[in-house]
């Protein structure tokens, strides 16, 4: 039987567009609509994607077009919706003090009940602010690594050399484009290599391995 999972894309002002658009381009192959349009067999898992923000105003990223949210964080909680997968991107708006309180509260409520929590770039900085990364291994954008580590809990084991880190149900990637590599690995985890290979061939993705991280050295972390 096919498992159907709900995925929440957690948006905020000055988000990095590729942090969520990249992974959704890969994982979006699992939506029923895309499977039908692309004439692909239904895999073991399908997804429904919902875009959320603290208001319904268009979310303006640091670069690229605005994205129109479908639901606010507060309304999702009022409706008692529990998402299976949380995707938290990063960006200039992910720094402490810039993140909307509604997003932090949403993650505090949602993360314990989610099957997976998936952060890209400095999205892990946001998640760290909720306390949900305490006792876990995680990574982040290597250009922001030192600042992130210094401003977050010492209960988090920040991994300097990693394209992405999977610790239980929490997946965290390095900067921006690394989200595509992690999305490929997550796709393999969800539906297997055969489906992931089809997706890689369609989007022409040459995915990096988990420990293929030249940027740790570039930024003086190792």
C-alpha atoms as a PDB file:
ATOM      1  CA  UNK A   1       0.000   0.000   0.000  1.00  0.00           C
ATOM      2  CA  UNK A   2       1.248   3.479  -0.878  1.00  0.00           C
ATOM      3  CA  UNK A   3       2.031   5.734   2.071  1.00  0.00           C
ATOM      4  CA  UNK A   4       0.937   9.350   1.688  1.00  0.00           C
ATOM      5  CA  UNK A   5       2.864  12.027   3.586  1.00  0.00           C
ATOM      6  CA  UNK A   6       2.190  15.736   4.064  1.00  0.00           C
ATOM      7  CA  UNK A   7       5.116  18.138   3.704  1.00  0.00           C
ATOM      8  CA  UNK A   8       5.143  21.676   5.104  1.00  0.00           C
ATOM      9  CA  UNK A   9       7.506  24.212   3.539  1.00  0.00           C
ATOM     10  CA  UNK A  10       8.224  26.771   6.277  1.00  0.00           C
ATOM     11  CA  UNK A  11       8.720  30.207   4.725  1.00  0.00           C
ATOM     12  CA  UNK A  12       9.770  33.575   6.157  1.00  0.00           C
ATOM     13  CA  UNK A  13      10.969  36.959   4.817  1.00  0.00           C
ATOM     14  CA  UNK A  14      14.439  36.984   3.200  1.00  0.00           C
ATOM     15  CA  UNK A  15      14.476  33.215   2.797  1.00  0.00           C
ATOM     16  CA  UNK A  16      16.848  31.742   0.207  1.00  0.00           C
ATOM     17  CA  UNK A  17      14.579  30.526  -2.588  1.00  0.00           C
ATOM     18  CA  UNK A  18      16.804  27.663  -3.751  1.00  0.00           C
ATOM     19  CA  UNK A  19      16.852  26.249  -0.215  1.00  0.00           C
ATOM     20  CA  UNK A  20      13.266  25.091  -0.675  1.00  0.00           C
ATOM     21  CA  UNK A  21      12.776  25.178  -4.440  1.00  0.00           C
ATOM     22  CA  UNK A  22      15.708  22.805  -5.017  1.00  0.00           C
ATOM     23  CA  UNK A  23      14.537  20.049  -2.654  1.00  0.00           C
ATOM     24  CA  UNK A  24      10.914  20.479  -3.749  1.00  0.00           C
ATOM     25  CA  UNK A  25      11.943  20.090  -7.401  1.00  0.00           C
ATOM     26  CA  UNK A  26      13.335  16.677  -6.418  1.00  0.00           C
ATOM     27  CA  UNK A  27      10.779  15.570  -3.828  1.00  0.00           C
ATOM     28  CA  UNK A  28       7.930  17.091  -5.836  1.00  0.00           C
ATOM     29  CA  UNK A  29       8.162  14.152  -8.229  1.00  0.00           C
ATOM     30  CA  UNK A  30       6.290  12.247  -5.520  1.00  0.00           C
ATOM     31  CA  UNK A  31       3.135  14.366  -5.674  1.00  0.00           C
ATOM     32  CA  UNK A  32       0.213  12.539  -7.325  1.00  0.00           C
ATOM     33  CA  UNK A  33      -0.133  15.369  -9.857  1.00  0.00           C
ATOM     34  CA  UNK A  34       3.489  15.130 -10.973  1.00  0.00           C
ATOM     35  CA  UNK A  35       3.444  11.351 -11.107  1.00  0.00           C
ATOM     36  CA  UNK A  36       0.419  11.490 -13.416  1.00  0.00           C
ATOM     37  CA  UNK A  37       1.814  14.258 -15.634  1.00  0.00           C
ATOM     38  CA  UNK A  38       5.164  12.492 -15.978  1.00  0.00           C
ATOM     39  CA  UNK A  39       3.515   9.087 -16.495  1.00  0.00           C
ATOM     40  CA  UNK A  40       5.482   7.511 -13.651  1.00  0.00           C
ATOM     41  CA  UNK A  41       4.425   4.503 -11.620  1.00  0.00           C
ATOM     42  CA  UNK A  42       3.163   5.300  -8.140  1.00  0.00           C
ATOM     43  CA  UNK A  43       6.034   4.652  -5.700  1.00  0.00           C
ATOM     44  CA  UNK A  44       5.849   3.398  -2.121  1.00  0.00           C
ATOM     45  CA  UNK A  45       5.350   6.960  -0.883  1.00  0.00           C
ATOM     46  CA  UNK A  46       3.615  10.058  -2.268  1.00  0.00           C
ATOM     47  CA  UNK A  47       3.617  13.639  -0.996  1.00  0.00           C
ATOM     48  CA  UNK A  48       1.343  16.639  -0.662  1.00  0.00           C
ATOM     49  CA  UNK A  49       3.217  19.945  -0.358  1.00  0.00           C
ATOM     50  CA  UNK A  50       1.870  22.989   1.512  1.00  0.00           C
ATOM     51  CA  UNK A  51       3.607  26.383   1.717  1.00  0.00           C
ATOM     52  CA  UNK A  52       3.224  28.188   5.043  1.00  0.00           C
ATOM     53  CA  UNK A  53       4.334  31.527   6.464  1.00  0.00           C
ATOM     54  CA  UNK A  54       3.479  33.819   9.374  1.00  0.00           C
ATOM     55  CA  UNK A  55       1.057  35.772   7.139  1.00  0.00           C
ATOM     56  CA  UNK A  56      -0.608  35.136   3.791  1.00  0.00           C
ATOM     57  CA  UNK A  57       1.346  37.998   2.214  1.00  0.00           C
ATOM     58  CA  UNK A  58       3.738  37.020  -0.594  1.00  0.00           C
ATOM     59  CA  UNK A  59       7.064  35.854   0.835  1.00  0.00           C
ATOM     60  CA  UNK A  60       9.904  37.817  -0.757  1.00  0.00           C
ATOM     61  CA  UNK A  61      13.186  35.867  -0.836  1.00  0.00           C
ATOM     62  CA  UNK A  62      16.645  37.410  -1.004  1.00  0.00           C
ATOM     63  CA  UNK A  63      16.627  36.651  -4.748  1.00  0.00           C
ATOM     64  CA  UNK A  64      13.958  35.465  -7.140  1.00  0.00           C
ATOM     65  CA  UNK A  65      10.172  35.734  -7.304  1.00  0.00           C
ATOM     66  CA  UNK A  66       7.876  35.948  -4.306  1.00  0.00           C
ATOM     67  CA  UNK A  67       6.039  32.841  -3.142  1.00  0.00           C
ATOM     68  CA  UNK A  68       2.385  32.946  -2.078  1.00  0.00           C
ATOM     69  CA  UNK A  69       1.755  30.972   1.135  1.00  0.00           C
ATOM     70  CA  UNK A  70      -1.301  28.731   1.311  1.00  0.00           C
ATOM     71  CA  UNK A  71      -1.719  28.777   5.085  1.00  0.00           C
ATOM     72  CA  UNK A  72      -0.377  30.619   8.124  1.00  0.00           C
ATOM     73  CA  UNK A  73       1.448  28.874  10.952  1.00  0.00           C
ATOM     74  CA  UNK A  74      -1.160  29.996  13.466  1.00  0.00           C
ATOM     75  CA  UNK A  75      -4.051  28.743  11.345  1.00  0.00           C
ATOM     76  CA  UNK A  76      -2.367  25.373  10.828  1.00  0.00           C
ATOM     77  CA  UNK A  77      -2.059  24.990  14.593  1.00  0.00           C
ATOM     78  CA  UNK A  78      -5.640  26.161  15.169  1.00  0.00           C
ATOM     79  CA  UNK A  79      -6.825  23.537  12.683  1.00  0.00           C
ATOM     80  CA  UNK A  80      -4.726  20.940  14.564  1.00  0.00           C
ATOM     81  CA  UNK A  81      -2.925  19.891  11.382  1.00  0.00           C
ATOM     82  CA  UNK A  82       0.103  17.684  12.005  1.00  0.00           C
ATOM     83  CA  UNK A  83       2.538  17.566   9.102  1.00  0.00           C
ATOM     84  CA  UNK A  84       4.597  14.460   8.436  1.00  0.00           C
ATOM     85  CA  UNK A  85       7.612  16.327   7.043  1.00  0.00           C
ATOM     86  CA  UNK A  86       8.816  19.816   7.931  1.00  0.00           C
ATOM     87  CA  UNK A  87      11.136  21.556   5.468  1.00  0.00           C
ATOM     88  CA  UNK A  88      12.928  24.526   7.022  1.00  0.00           C
ATOM     89  CA  UNK A  89      15.055  26.544   4.559  1.00  0.00           C
ATOM     90  CA  UNK A  90      17.643  29.155   5.497  1.00  0.00           C
ATOM     91  CA  UNK A  91      18.594  32.605   4.315  1.00  0.00           C
ATOM     92  CA  UNK A  92      19.381  36.042   5.665  1.00  0.00           C
ATOM     93  CA  UNK A  93      16.081  35.934   7.546  1.00  0.00           C
ATOM     94  CA  UNK A  94      17.145  32.824   9.464  1.00  0.00           C
ATOM     95  CA  UNK A  95      19.381  34.742  11.873  1.00  0.00           C
ATOM     96  CA  UNK A  96      18.362  35.058  15.541  1.00  0.00           C
ATOM     97  CA  UNK A  97      16.021  37.993  16.010  1.00  0.00           C
ATOM     98  CA  UNK A  98      14.836  37.943  12.403  1.00  0.00           C
ATOM     99  CA  UNK A  99      12.791  34.732  12.474  1.00  0.00           C
ATOM    100  CA  UNK A 100       9.038  35.287  12.994  1.00  0.00           C
ATOM    101  CA  UNK A 101       7.848  34.111  16.422  1.00  0.00           C
ATOM    102  CA  UNK A 102       4.988  32.281  14.725  1.00  0.00           C
ATOM    103  CA  UNK A 103       7.465  30.054  12.865  1.00  0.00           C
ATOM    104  CA  UNK A 104       9.425  29.226  16.021  1.00  0.00           C
ATOM    105  CA  UNK A 105       6.215  28.358  17.867  1.00  0.00           C
ATOM    106  CA  UNK A 106       4.982  26.273  14.929  1.00  0.00           C
ATOM    107  CA  UNK A 107       8.195  24.231  14.902  1.00  0.00           C
ATOM    108  CA  UNK A 108       8.091  23.705  18.664  1.00  0.00           C
ATOM    109  CA  UNK A 109       4.589  22.265  18.359  1.00  0.00           C
ATOM    110  CA  UNK A 110       5.042  20.364  15.094  1.00  0.00           C
ATOM    111  CA  UNK A 111       8.544  18.890  15.307  1.00  0.00           C
ATOM    112  CA  UNK A 112       7.852  16.340  18.073  1.00  0.00           C
ATOM    113  CA  UNK A 113       4.998  14.827  16.052  1.00  0.00           C
ATOM    114  CA  UNK A 114       6.629  14.966  12.611  1.00  0.00           C
ATOM    115  CA  UNK A 115       8.005  11.845  10.972  1.00  0.00           C
ATOM    116  CA  UNK A 116      10.895  13.867   9.521  1.00  0.00           C
ATOM    117  CA  UNK A 117      12.377  17.322  10.040  1.00  0.00           C
ATOM    118  CA  UNK A 118      14.424  18.506   7.087  1.00  0.00           C
ATOM    119  CA  UNK A 119      16.535  21.697   7.177  1.00  0.00           C
ATOM    120  CA  UNK A 120      18.605  23.285   4.434  1.00  0.00           C
ATOM    121  CA  UNK A 121      21.477  25.729   4.944  1.00  0.00           C
ATOM    122  CA  UNK A 122      20.877  27.984   7.961  1.00  0.00           C
ATOM    123  CA  UNK A 123      17.444  26.455   8.429  1.00  0.00           C
ATOM    124  CA  UNK A 124      19.211  24.371  11.075  1.00  0.00           C
ATOM    125  CA  UNK A 125      19.950  27.635  12.918  1.00  0.00           C
ATOM    126  CA  UNK A 126      16.193  28.218  13.136  1.00  0.00           C
ATOM    127  CA  UNK A 127      15.551  24.676  14.337  1.00  0.00           C
ATOM    128  CA  UNK A 128      18.342  24.993  16.912  1.00  0.00           C
ATOM    129  CA  UNK A 129      16.477  27.969  18.363  1.00  0.00           C
ATOM    130  CA  UNK A 130      13.538  25.718  19.230  1.00  0.00           C
ATOM    131  CA  UNK A 131      15.670  23.345  21.313  1.00  0.00           C
ATOM    132  CA  UNK A 132      14.793  20.447  19.023  1.00  0.00           C
ATOM    133  CA  UNK A 133      18.407  19.907  17.924  1.00  0.00           C
ATOM    134  CA  UNK A 134      19.664  19.458  21.490  1.00  0.00           C
ATOM    135  CA  UNK A 135      21.405  16.094  21.786  1.00  0.00           C
ATOM    136  CA  UNK A 136      21.606  15.734  18.008  1.00  0.00           C
ATOM    137  CA  UNK A 137      24.246  15.935  15.305  1.00  0.00           C
ATOM    138  CA  UNK A 138      23.640  18.596  12.658  1.00  0.00           C
ATOM    139  CA  UNK A 139      25.312  20.776  10.060  1.00  0.00           C
ATOM    140  CA  UNK A 140      24.648  24.101   8.377  1.00  0.00           C
ATOM    141  CA  UNK A 141      26.007  26.514   5.768  1.00  0.00           C
ATOM    142  CA  UNK A 142      29.786  26.486   6.205  1.00  0.00           C
ATOM    143  CA  UNK A 143      30.077  30.257   5.706  1.00  0.00           C
ATOM    144  CA  UNK A 144      27.776  30.687   8.730  1.00  0.00           C
ATOM    145  CA  UNK A 145      29.001  27.638  10.660  1.00  0.00           C
ATOM    146  CA  UNK A 146      31.045  29.423  13.334  1.00  0.00           C
ATOM    147  CA  UNK A 147      28.382  32.050  14.032  1.00  0.00           C
ATOM    148  CA  UNK A 148      25.680  29.401  14.180  1.00  0.00           C
ATOM    149  CA  UNK A 149      27.645  27.182  16.546  1.00  0.00           C
ATOM    150  CA  UNK A 150      28.600  30.064  18.848  1.00  0.00           C
ATOM    151  CA  UNK A 151      25.023  31.333  19.161  1.00  0.00           C
ATOM    152  CA  UNK A 152      23.265  27.997  19.743  1.00  0.00           C
ATOM    153  CA  UNK A 153      23.097  25.364  22.460  1.00  0.00           C
ATOM    154  CA  UNK A 154      26.258  23.496  23.441  1.00  0.00           C
ATOM    155  CA  UNK A 155      24.079  20.383  23.547  1.00  0.00           C
ATOM    156  CA  UNK A 156      24.157  20.298  19.725  1.00  0.00           C
ATOM    157  CA  UNK A 157      27.014  18.479  17.996  1.00  0.00           C
ATOM    158  CA  UNK A 158      27.723  20.638  14.959  1.00  0.00           C
ATOM    159  CA  UNK A 159      29.482  18.617  12.239  1.00  0.00           C
ATOM    160  CA  UNK A 160      31.927  20.795  10.249  1.00  0.00           C
ATOM    161  CA  UNK A 161      32.637  18.396   7.371  1.00  0.00           C
ATOM    162  CA  UNK A 162      29.398  17.026   5.945  1.00  0.00           C
ATOM    163  CA  UNK A 163      27.317  17.667   2.871  1.00  0.00           C
ATOM    164  CA  UNK A 164      24.389  16.665   5.041  1.00  0.00           C
ATOM    165  CA  UNK A 165      23.784  14.896   8.348  1.00  0.00           C
ATOM    166  CA  UNK A 166      20.989  12.438   9.135  1.00  0.00           C
ATOM    167  CA  UNK A 167      20.444  11.886  12.863  1.00  0.00           C
ATOM    168  CA  UNK A 168      17.364   9.780  13.376  1.00  0.00           C
ATOM    169  CA  UNK A 169      14.438  11.601  11.807  1.00  0.00           C
ATOM    170  CA  UNK A 170      16.295  14.920  11.562  1.00  0.00           C
ATOM    171  CA  UNK A 171      18.104  15.687   8.302  1.00  0.00           C
ATOM    172  CA  UNK A 172      20.228  18.851   8.043  1.00  0.00           C
ATOM    173  CA  UNK A 173      22.196  19.997   5.010  1.00  0.00           C
ATOM    174  CA  UNK A 174      25.086  22.335   4.383  1.00  0.00           C
ATOM    175  CA  UNK A 175      24.619  25.484   2.287  1.00  0.00           C
ATOM    176  CA  UNK A 176      21.905  26.029  -0.325  1.00  0.00           C
ATOM    177  CA  UNK A 177      22.779  23.621  -3.180  1.00  0.00           C
ATOM    178  CA  UNK A 178      23.619  20.892  -0.654  1.00  0.00           C
ATOM    179  CA  UNK A 179      19.874  20.684  -0.109  1.00  0.00           C
ATOM    180  CA  UNK A 180      19.586  18.990  -3.510  1.00  0.00           C
ATOM    181  CA  UNK A 181      22.099  16.331  -2.494  1.00  0.00           C
ATOM    182  CA  UNK A 182      20.266  15.703   0.756  1.00  0.00           C
ATOM    183  CA  UNK A 183      16.924  15.619  -1.060  1.00  0.00           C
ATOM    184  CA  UNK A 184      18.309  12.899  -3.331  1.00  0.00           C
ATOM    185  CA  UNK A 185      19.435  10.857  -0.307  1.00  0.00           C
ATOM    186  CA  UNK A 186      16.078  11.429   1.372  1.00  0.00           C
ATOM    187  CA  UNK A 187      14.286  10.336  -1.796  1.00  0.00           C
ATOM    188  CA  UNK A 188      16.301   7.103  -1.766  1.00  0.00           C
ATOM    189  CA  UNK A 189      15.323   6.652   1.881  1.00  0.00           C
ATOM    190  CA  UNK A 190      11.624   7.143   1.102  1.00  0.00           C
ATOM    191  CA  UNK A 191      11.133   5.297  -2.184  1.00  0.00           C
ATOM    192  CA  UNK A 192      14.393   3.582  -3.143  1.00  0.00           C
ATOM    193  CA  UNK A 193      17.230   4.066  -5.599  1.00  0.00           C
ATOM    194  CA  UNK A 194      15.263   3.196  -8.756  1.00  0.00           C
ATOM    195  CA  UNK A 195      12.856   6.113  -8.351  1.00  0.00           C
ATOM    196  CA  UNK A 196      15.645   8.432  -7.204  1.00  0.00           C
ATOM    197  CA  UNK A 197      17.664   7.561 -10.303  1.00  0.00           C
ATOM    198  CA  UNK A 198      14.707   8.461 -12.533  1.00  0.00           C
ATOM    199  CA  UNK A 199      14.445  11.830 -10.803  1.00  0.00           C
ATOM    200  CA  UNK A 200      18.192  12.508 -11.048  1.00  0.00           C
ATOM    201  CA  UNK A 201      18.139  11.707 -14.758  1.00  0.00           C
ATOM    202  CA  UNK A 202      15.136  13.974 -15.370  1.00  0.00           C
ATOM    203  CA  UNK A 203      16.617  16.975 -13.545  1.00  0.00           C
ATOM    204  CA  UNK A 204      20.228  16.124 -14.538  1.00  0.00           C
ATOM    205  CA  UNK A 205      21.444  16.062 -10.951  1.00  0.00           C
ATOM    206  CA  UNK A 206      24.926  14.730 -10.212  1.00  0.00           C
ATOM    207  CA  UNK A 207      24.432  14.219  -6.491  1.00  0.00           C
ATOM    208  CA  UNK A 208      27.314  14.477  -4.040  1.00  0.00           C
ATOM    209  CA  UNK A 209      27.855  11.937  -1.280  1.00  0.00           C
ATOM    210  CA  UNK A 210      27.273  12.670   2.390  1.00  0.00           C
ATOM    211  CA  UNK A 211      30.922  13.359   3.242  1.00  0.00           C
ATOM    212  CA  UNK A 212      31.842  15.134  -0.015  1.00  0.00           C
ATOM    213  CA  UNK A 213      32.299  18.578   1.530  1.00  0.00           C
ATOM    214  CA  UNK A 214      35.099  20.728   0.156  1.00  0.00           C
ATOM    215  CA  UNK A 215      33.601  23.853   1.714  1.00  0.00           C
ATOM    216  CA  UNK A 216      34.533  22.861   5.259  1.00  0.00           C
ATOM    217  CA  UNK A 217      38.156  23.403   4.275  1.00  0.00           C
ATOM    218  CA  UNK A 218      37.380  26.502   2.199  1.00  0.00           C
ATOM    219  CA  UNK A 219      35.896  28.154   5.288  1.00  0.00           C
ATOM    220  CA  UNK A 220      38.659  27.005   7.622  1.00  0.00           C
ATOM    221  CA  UNK A 221      36.586  24.552   9.637  1.00  0.00           C
ATOM    222  CA  UNK A 222      38.998  21.620   9.305  1.00  0.00           C
END
